[in-house]
PDB file of N, CA and C in Angstrom:
ATOM      1  N   TRP A   1     115.263 133.858  97.853  1.00  0.00           N
ATOM      2  CA  TRP A   1     113.817 133.847  97.768  1.00  0.00           C
ATOM      3  C   TRP A   1     113.382 134.435  96.436  1.00  0.00           C
ATOM      4  N   ARG A   2     112.567 133.686  95.738  1.00  0.00           N
ATOM      5  CA  ARG A   2     112.068 134.138  94.432  1.00  0.00           C
ATOM      6  C   ARG A   2     110.550 134.346  94.554  1.00  0.00           C
ATOM      7  N   PRO A   3     110.059 135.584  94.450  1.00  0.00           N
ATOM      8  CA  PRO A   3     108.605 135.822  94.580  1.00  0.00           C
ATOM      9  C   PRO A   3     107.852 135.230  93.410  1.00  0.00           C
ATOM     10  N   SER A   4     106.620 134.883  93.681  1.00  0.00           N
ATOM     11  CA  SER A   4     105.734 134.390  92.620  1.00  0.00           C
ATOM     12  C   SER A   4     105.520 135.510  91.591  1.00  0.00           C
ATOM     13  N   PRO A   5     105.516 135.179  90.304  1.00  0.00           N
ATOM     14  CA  PRO A   5     105.334 136.225  89.286  1.00  0.00           C
ATOM     15  C   PRO A   5     103.985 136.933  89.385  1.00  0.00           C
ATOM     16  N   ASN A   6     102.995 136.340  90.029  1.00  0.00           N
ATOM     17  CA  ASN A   6     101.680 136.958  90.154  1.00  0.00           C
ATOM     18  C   ASN A   6     101.392 137.447  91.564  1.00  0.00           C
ATOM     19  N   LEU A   7     102.426 137.578  92.382  1.00  0.00           N
ATOM     20  CA  LEU A   7     102.256 137.977  93.780  1.00  0.00           C
ATOM     21  C   LEU A   7     101.554 139.320  93.915  1.00  0.00           C
ATOM     22  N   HIS A   8     101.877 140.261  93.040  1.00  0.00           N
ATOM     23  CA  HIS A   8     101.294 141.615  93.098  1.00  0.00           C
ATOM     24  C   HIS A   8      99.781 141.620  92.888  1.00  0.00           C
ATOM     25  N   SER A   9      99.260 140.626  92.207  1.00  0.00           N
ATOM     26  CA  SER A   9      97.811 140.596  91.959  1.00  0.00           C
ATOM     27  C   SER A   9      97.122 139.466  92.704  1.00  0.00           C
ATOM     28  N   GLY A  10      97.856 138.790  93.594  1.00  0.00           N
ATOM     29  CA  GLY A  10      97.272 137.684  94.329  1.00  0.00           C
ATOM     30  C   GLY A  10      96.661 138.075  95.670  1.00  0.00           C
ATOM     31  N   PHE A  11      95.920 137.166  96.218  1.00  0.00           N
ATOM     32  CA  PHE A  11      95.293 137.382  97.520  1.00  0.00           C
ATOM     33  C   PHE A  11      96.052 136.549  98.540  1.00  0.00           C
ATOM     34  N   ILE A  12      96.529 137.174  99.618  1.00  0.00           N
ATOM     35  CA  ILE A  12      97.230 136.463 100.661  1.00  0.00           C
ATOM     36  C   ILE A  12      96.329 136.520 101.919  1.00  0.00           C
ATOM     37  N   PRO A  13      95.851 135.344 102.355  1.00  0.00           N
ATOM     38  CA  PRO A  13      94.970 135.311 103.533  1.00  0.00           C
ATOM     39  C   PRO A  13      95.781 135.443 104.827  1.00  0.00           C
ATOM     40  N   TRP A  14      96.106 136.680 105.221  1.00  0.00           N
ATOM     41  CA  TRP A  14      97.009 136.911 106.348  1.00  0.00           C
ATOM     42  C   TRP A  14      96.456 136.339 107.652  1.00  0.00           C
ATOM     43  N   ASP A  15      95.151 136.286 107.796  1.00  0.00           N
ATOM     44  CA  ASP A  15      94.592 135.697 109.013  1.00  0.00           C
ATOM     45  C   ASP A  15      94.929 134.199 109.074  1.00  0.00           C
ATOM     46  N   LEU A  16      94.922 133.521 107.950  1.00  0.00           N
ATOM     47  CA  LEU A  16      95.274 132.102 107.927  1.00  0.00           C
ATOM     48  C   LEU A  16      96.785 131.944 108.171  1.00  0.00           C
ATOM     49  N   VAL A  17      97.586 132.805 107.595  1.00  0.00           N
ATOM     50  CA  VAL A  17      99.035 132.768 107.847  1.00  0.00           C
ATOM     51  C   VAL A  17      99.303 132.914 109.327  1.00  0.00           C
ATOM     52  N   ALA A  18      98.597 133.861 109.983  1.00  0.00           N
ATOM     53  CA  ALA A  18      98.780 134.091 111.412  1.00  0.00           C
ATOM     54  C   ALA A  18      98.418 132.846 112.225  1.00  0.00           C
ATOM     55  N   LEU A  19      97.308 132.222 111.887  1.00  0.00           N
ATOM     56  CA  LEU A  19      96.905 130.985 112.600  1.00  0.00           C
ATOM     57  C   LEU A  19      97.913 129.870 112.405  1.00  0.00           C
ATOM     58  N   LEU A  20      98.431 129.712 111.175  1.00  0.00           N
ATOM     59  CA  LEU A  20      99.418 128.694 110.916  1.00  0.00           C
ATOM     60  C   LEU A  20     100.748 128.999 111.677  1.00  0.00           C
ATOM     61  N   ALA A  21     101.106 130.241 111.735  1.00  0.00           N
ATOM     62  CA  ALA A  21     102.331 130.625 112.444  1.00  0.00           C
ATOM     63  C   ALA A  21     102.220 130.295 113.938  1.00  0.00           C
ATOM     64  N   ILE A  22     101.020 130.443 114.499  1.00  0.00           N
ATOM     65  CA  ILE A  22     100.809 130.139 115.927  1.00  0.00           C
ATOM     66  C   ILE A  22     100.768 128.631 116.173  1.00  0.00           C
ATOM     67  N   THR A  23     100.076 127.910 115.305  1.00  0.00           N
ATOM     68  CA  THR A  23      99.885 126.487 115.531  1.00  0.00           C
ATOM     69  C   THR A  23     100.970 125.603 114.948  1.00  0.00           C
ATOM     70  N   HIS A  24     101.713 126.097 113.968  1.00  0.00           N
ATOM     71  CA  HIS A  24     102.763 125.313 113.319  1.00  0.00           C
ATOM     72  C   HIS A  24     104.023 126.143 113.186  1.00  0.00           C
ATOM     73  N   GLU A  25     104.513 126.648 114.310  1.00  0.00           N
ATOM     74  CA  GLU A  25     105.680 127.514 114.320  1.00  0.00           C
ATOM     75  C   GLU A  25     106.878 126.927 113.628  1.00  0.00           C
ATOM     76  N   GLU A  26     107.012 125.605 113.696  1.00  0.00           N
ATOM     77  CA  GLU A  26     108.161 124.942 113.087  1.00  0.00           C
ATOM     78  C   GLU A  26     108.186 125.028 111.561  1.00  0.00           C
ATOM     79  N   GLU A  27     107.077 125.453 110.944  1.00  0.00           N
ATOM     80  CA  GLU A  27     107.006 125.588 109.492  1.00  0.00           C
ATOM     81  C   GLU A  27     107.512 126.934 108.988  1.00  0.00           C
ATOM     82  N   PHE A  28     107.903 127.830 109.911  1.00  0.00           N
ATOM     83  CA  PHE A  28     108.343 129.136 109.539  1.00  0.00           C
ATOM     84  C   PHE A  28     109.764 129.402 110.039  1.00  0.00           C
ATOM     85  N   MET A  29     110.466 130.313 109.347  1.00  0.00           N
ATOM     86  CA  MET A  29     111.850 130.618 109.691  1.00  0.00           C
ATOM     87  C   MET A  29     112.043 132.129 109.757  1.00  0.00           C
ATOM     88  N   GLU A  30     113.203 132.508 110.279  1.00  0.00           N
ATOM     89  CA  GLU A  30     113.643 133.884 110.312  1.00  0.00           C
ATOM     90  C   GLU A  30     112.577 134.799 110.964  1.00  0.00           C
ATOM     91  N   TRP A  31     112.252 134.492 112.215  1.00  0.00           N
ATOM     92  CA  TRP A  31     111.274 135.289 112.954  1.00  0.00           C
ATOM     93  C   TRP A  31     111.951 136.587 113.379  1.00  0.00           C
ATOM     94  N   LYS A  32     111.220 137.692 113.293  1.00  0.00           N
ATOM     95  CA  LYS A  32     111.730 139.001 113.753  1.00  0.00           C
ATOM     96  C   LYS A  32     110.613 139.734 114.470  1.00  0.00           C
ATOM     97  N   TYR A  33     111.023 140.573 115.401  1.00  0.00           N
ATOM     98  CA  TYR A  33     110.043 141.395 116.117  1.00  0.00           C
ATOM     99  C   TYR A  33     109.853 142.690 115.373  1.00  0.00           C
ATOM    100  N   HIS A  34     108.605 143.149 115.335  1.00  0.00           N
ATOM    101  CA  HIS A  34     108.258 144.417 114.682  1.00  0.00           C
ATOM    102  C   HIS A  34     107.271 145.150 115.567  1.00  0.00           C
ATOM    103  N   ARG A  35     107.361 146.469 115.527  1.00  0.00           N
ATOM    104  CA  ARG A  35     106.344 147.302 116.180  1.00  0.00           C
ATOM    105  C   ARG A  35     105.344 147.682 115.093  1.00  0.00           C
ATOM    106  N   VAL A  36     104.085 147.396 115.327  1.00  0.00           N
ATOM    107  CA  VAL A  36     103.037 147.625 114.341  1.00  0.00           C
ATOM    108  C   VAL A  36     101.902 148.470 114.896  1.00  0.00           C
ATOM    109  N   SER A  37     101.113 148.998 113.990  1.00  0.00           N
ATOM    110  CA  SER A  37      99.901 149.739 114.407  1.00  0.00           C
ATOM    111  C   SER A  37      98.837 149.560 113.324  1.00  0.00           C
ATOM    112  N   PHE A  38      97.613 149.837 113.703  1.00  0.00           N
ATOM    113  CA  PHE A  38      96.480 149.750 112.804  1.00  0.00           C
ATOM    114  C   PHE A  38      95.850 151.133 112.712  1.00  0.00           C
ATOM    115  N   PRO A  39      95.717 151.676 111.509  1.00  0.00           N
ATOM    116  CA  PRO A  39      95.139 153.013 111.400  1.00  0.00           C
ATOM    117  C   PRO A  39      93.672 153.001 111.841  1.00  0.00           C
ATOM    118  N   PRO A  40      93.295 153.942 112.695  1.00  0.00           N
ATOM    119  CA  PRO A  40      91.889 153.968 113.162  1.00  0.00           C
ATOM    120  C   PRO A  40      90.979 154.479 112.074  1.00  0.00           C
ATOM    121  N   CYS A  41      89.721 154.121 112.180  1.00  0.00           N
ATOM    122  CA  CYS A  41      88.704 154.544 111.239  1.00  0.00           C
ATOM    123  C   CYS A  41      87.739 155.501 111.948  1.00  0.00           C
ATOM    124  N   ASP A  42      87.390 156.603 111.324  1.00  0.00           N
ATOM    125  CA  ASP A  42      86.476 157.560 111.979  1.00  0.00           C
ATOM    126  C   ASP A  42      85.106 156.969 112.251  1.00  0.00           C
ATOM    127  N   ASP A  43      84.650 156.092 111.371  1.00  0.00           N
ATOM    128  CA  ASP A  43      83.295 155.522 111.496  1.00  0.00           C
ATOM    129  C   ASP A  43      83.202 154.356 112.464  1.00  0.00           C
ATOM    130  N   HIS A  44      84.311 153.664 112.699  1.00  0.00           N
ATOM    131  CA  HIS A  44      84.324 152.492 113.554  1.00  0.00           C
ATOM    132  C   HIS A  44      85.390 152.669 114.629  1.00  0.00           C
ATOM    133  N   ILE A  45      85.018 152.743 115.836  1.00  0.00           N
ATOM    134  CA  ILE A  45      85.991 152.977 116.915  1.00  0.00           C
ATOM    135  C   ILE A  45      86.948 151.804 117.032  1.00  0.00           C
ATOM    136  N   GLY A  46      88.226 152.113 116.862  1.00  0.00           N
ATOM    137  CA  GLY A  46      89.269 151.109 117.050  1.00  0.00           C
ATOM    138  C   GLY A  46      89.447 150.109 115.930  1.00  0.00           C
ATOM    139  N   GLU A  47      88.680 150.215 114.851  1.00  0.00           N
ATOM    140  CA  GLU A  47      88.828 149.256 113.763  1.00  0.00           C
ATOM    141  C   GLU A  47      89.562 149.896 112.595  1.00  0.00           C
ATOM    142  N   PRO A  48      90.531 149.192 112.007  1.00  0.00           N
ATOM    143  CA  PRO A  48      91.215 149.781 110.860  1.00  0.00           C
ATOM    144  C   PRO A  48      90.262 150.010 109.679  1.00  0.00           C
ATOM    145  N   CYS A  49      90.408 151.153 109.056  1.00  0.00           N
ATOM    146  CA  CYS A  49      89.531 151.506 107.898  1.00  0.00           C
ATOM    147  C   CYS A  49      89.723 150.558 106.739  1.00  0.00           C
ATOM    148  N   ASP A  50      90.990 150.203 106.476  1.00  0.00           N
ATOM    149  CA  ASP A  50      91.262 149.415 105.280  1.00  0.00           C
ATOM    150  C   ASP A  50      91.866 148.047 105.617  1.00  0.00           C
ATOM    151  N   SER A  51      91.791 147.655 106.860  1.00  0.00           N
ATOM    152  CA  SER A  51      92.321 146.358 107.327  1.00  0.00           C
ATOM    153  C   SER A  51      93.817 146.222 107.090  1.00  0.00           C
ATOM    154  N   THR A  52      94.517 147.310 107.115  1.00  0.00           N
ATOM    155  CA  THR A  52      95.960 147.307 106.854  1.00  0.00           C
ATOM    156  C   THR A  52      96.743 147.478 108.147  1.00  0.00           C
ATOM    157  N   MET A  53      97.741 146.633 108.343  1.00  0.00           N
ATOM    158  CA  MET A  53      98.651 146.763 109.461  1.00  0.00           C
ATOM    159  C   MET A  53      99.880 147.532 108.997  1.00  0.00           C
ATOM    160  N   ILE A  54     100.291 148.503 109.717  1.00  0.00           N
ATOM    161  CA  ILE A  54     101.461 149.322 109.372  1.00  0.00           C
ATOM    162  C   ILE A  54     102.631 148.830 110.220  1.00  0.00           C
ATOM    163  N   VAL A  55     103.737 148.485 109.569  1.00  0.00           N
ATOM    164  CA  VAL A  55     104.951 148.082 110.277  1.00  0.00           C
ATOM    165  C   VAL A  55     105.752 149.352 110.481  1.00  0.00           C
ATOM    166  N   ASN A  56     105.847 149.775 111.740  1.00  0.00           N
ATOM    167  CA  ASN A  56     106.499 151.030 112.075  1.00  0.00           C
ATOM    168  C   ASN A  56     108.002 150.865 112.298  1.00  0.00           C
ATOM    169  N   GLU A  57     108.432 149.723 112.830  1.00  0.00           N
ATOM    170  CA  GLU A  57     109.827 149.578 113.244  1.00  0.00           C
ATOM    171  C   GLU A  57     110.220 148.132 113.230  1.00  0.00           C
ATOM    172  N   ASP A  58     111.357 147.803 112.633  1.00  0.00           N
ATOM    173  CA  ASP A  58     111.923 146.447 112.659  1.00  0.00           C
ATOM    174  C   ASP A  58     112.835 146.361 113.888  1.00  0.00           C
ATOM    175  N   LEU A  59     112.453 145.533 114.835  1.00  0.00           N
ATOM    176  CA  LEU A  59     113.246 145.390 116.073  1.00  0.00           C
ATOM    177  C   LEU A  59     114.246 144.251 116.006  1.00  0.00           C
ATOM    178  N   GLY A  60     114.263 143.509 114.901  1.00  0.00           N
ATOM    179  CA  GLY A  60     115.233 142.438 114.698  1.00  0.00           C
ATOM    180  C   GLY A  60     114.833 141.106 115.321  1.00  0.00           C
ATOM    181  N   GLU A  61     115.807 140.212 115.453  1.00  0.00           N
ATOM    182  CA  GLU A  61     115.546 138.858 115.927  1.00  0.00           C
ATOM    183  C   GLU A  61     115.437 138.763 117.451  1.00  0.00           C
ATOM    184  N   THR A  62     115.947 139.733 118.146  1.00  0.00           N
ATOM    185  CA  THR A  62     115.858 139.757 119.613  1.00  0.00           C
ATOM    186  C   THR A  62     115.141 141.051 120.037  1.00  0.00           C
ATOM    187  N   PHE A  63     114.534 140.992 121.171  1.00  0.00           N
ATOM    188  CA  PHE A  63     113.809 142.148 121.693  1.00  0.00           C
ATOM    189  C   PHE A  63     114.012 142.202 123.186  1.00  0.00           C
ATOM    190  N   ASP A  64     114.328 143.389 123.728  1.00  0.00           N
ATOM    191  CA  ASP A  64     114.640 143.500 125.154  1.00  0.00           C
ATOM    192  C   ASP A  64     113.417 143.427 126.059  1.00  0.00           C
ATOM    193  N   GLY A  65     112.208 143.534 125.491  1.00  0.00           N
ATOM    194  CA  GLY A  65     110.998 143.361 126.292  1.00  0.00           C
ATOM    195  C   GLY A  65     110.623 144.550 127.153  1.00  0.00           C
ATOM    196  N   LYS A  66     111.235 145.699 126.946  1.00  0.00           N
ATOM    197  CA  LYS A  66     110.947 146.851 127.788  1.00  0.00           C
ATOM    198  C   LYS A  66     109.597 147.489 127.475  1.00  0.00           C
ATOM    199  N   ASP A  67     109.250 147.604 126.197  1.00  0.00           N
ATOM    200  CA  ASP A  67     107.977 148.234 125.813  1.00  0.00           C
ATOM    201  C   ASP A  67     107.300 147.357 124.806  1.00  0.00           C
ATOM    202  N   TRP A  68     106.341 146.525 125.229  1.00  0.00           N
ATOM    203  CA  TRP A  68     105.692 145.569 124.352  1.00  0.00           C
ATOM    204  C   TRP A  68     104.541 146.174 123.547  1.00  0.00           C
ATOM    205  N   SER A  69     104.253 147.458 123.741  1.00  0.00           N
ATOM    206  CA  SER A  69     103.146 148.092 123.062  1.00  0.00           C
ATOM    207  C   SER A  69     103.281 147.971 121.533  1.00  0.00           C
ATOM    208  N   GLY A  70     102.361 147.227 120.904  1.00  0.00           N
ATOM    209  CA  GLY A  70     102.363 147.102 119.455  1.00  0.00           C
ATOM    210  C   GLY A  70     103.429 146.183 118.897  1.00  0.00           C
ATOM    211  N   VAL A  71     104.087 145.376 119.740  1.00  0.00           N
ATOM    212  CA  VAL A  71     105.151 144.510 119.264  1.00  0.00           C
ATOM    213  C   VAL A  71     104.608 143.128 118.907  1.00  0.00           C
ATOM    214  N   VAL A  72     104.953 142.639 117.736  1.00  0.00           N
ATOM    215  CA  VAL A  72     104.568 141.312 117.278  1.00  0.00           C
ATOM    216  C   VAL A  72     105.798 140.615 116.738  1.00  0.00           C
ATOM    217  N   ARG A  73     105.767 139.302 116.746  1.00  0.00           N
ATOM    218  CA  ARG A  73     106.836 138.466 116.199  1.00  0.00           C
ATOM    219  C   ARG A  73     106.339 137.905 114.887  1.00  0.00           C
ATOM    220  N   ILE A  74     107.008 138.220 113.777  1.00  0.00           N
ATOM    221  CA  ILE A  74     106.525 137.850 112.451  1.00  0.00           C
ATOM    222  C   ILE A  74     107.543 136.959 111.760  1.00  0.00           C
ATOM    223  N   PRO A  75     107.092 135.824 111.188  1.00  0.00           N
ATOM    224  CA  PRO A  75     108.018 134.998 110.418  1.00  0.00           C
ATOM    225  C   PRO A  75     108.253 135.646 109.047  1.00  0.00           C
ATOM    226  N   HIS A  76     109.494 135.580 108.593  1.00  0.00           N
ATOM    227  CA  HIS A  76     109.844 136.192 107.296  1.00  0.00           C
ATOM    228  C   HIS A  76     109.964 135.142 106.185  1.00  0.00           C
ATOM    229  N   LYS A  77     110.014 133.883 106.531  1.00  0.00           N
ATOM    230  CA  LYS A  77     110.127 132.837 105.507  1.00  0.00           C
ATOM    231  C   LYS A  77     109.327 131.614 105.940  1.00  0.00           C
ATOM    232  N   VAL A  78     108.807 130.925 104.952  1.00  0.00           N
ATOM    233  CA  VAL A  78     108.132 129.650 105.164  1.00  0.00           C
ATOM    234  C   VAL A  78     109.135 128.568 104.813  1.00  0.00           C
ATOM    235  N   ARG A  79     109.225 127.528 105.651  1.00  0.00           N
ATOM    236  CA  ARG A  79     110.152 126.422 105.328  1.00  0.00           C
ATOM    237  C   ARG A  79     109.735 125.727 104.060  1.00  0.00           C
ATOM    238  N   HIS A  80     110.680 125.291 103.304  1.00  0.00           N
ATOM    239  CA  HIS A  80     110.384 124.522 102.100  1.00  0.00           C
ATOM    240  C   HIS A  80     109.913 123.161 102.525  1.00  0.00           C
ATOM    241  N   GLU A  81     108.894 122.629 101.835  1.00  0.00           N
ATOM    242  CA  GLU A  81     108.320 121.344 102.252  1.00  0.00           C
ATOM    243  C   GLU A  81     109.277 120.191 102.200  1.00  0.00           C
ATOM    244  N   GLU A  82     110.396 120.323 101.482  1.00  0.00           N
ATOM    245  CA  GLU A  82     111.368 119.231 101.388  1.00  0.00           C
ATOM    246  C   GLU A  82     112.444 119.340 102.488  1.00  0.00           C
ATOM    247  N   ASP A  83     112.478 120.425 103.253  1.00  0.00           N
ATOM    248  CA  ASP A  83     113.494 120.584 104.311  1.00  0.00           C
ATOM    249  C   ASP A  83     113.135 119.761 105.505  1.00  0.00           C
TER     250      ASP A  83
END
């Protein structure tokens, strides 16, 4: 995987990536389970202050399903359009 040279200054619409991952799962590869959290904001109950999701733990490609609290399945790669 070769990152874009301007990735550090680019905008990634994560909400759009999430919708595509749900509706076009076949376009993504290397799915892994992660435990995540959202930092609370003092001014807004339950809303992240900076819209940042924190990845607390990488649970790998399989998950035993014992504690689903904060667990999400995230694709790590997008399929190449020629594949």
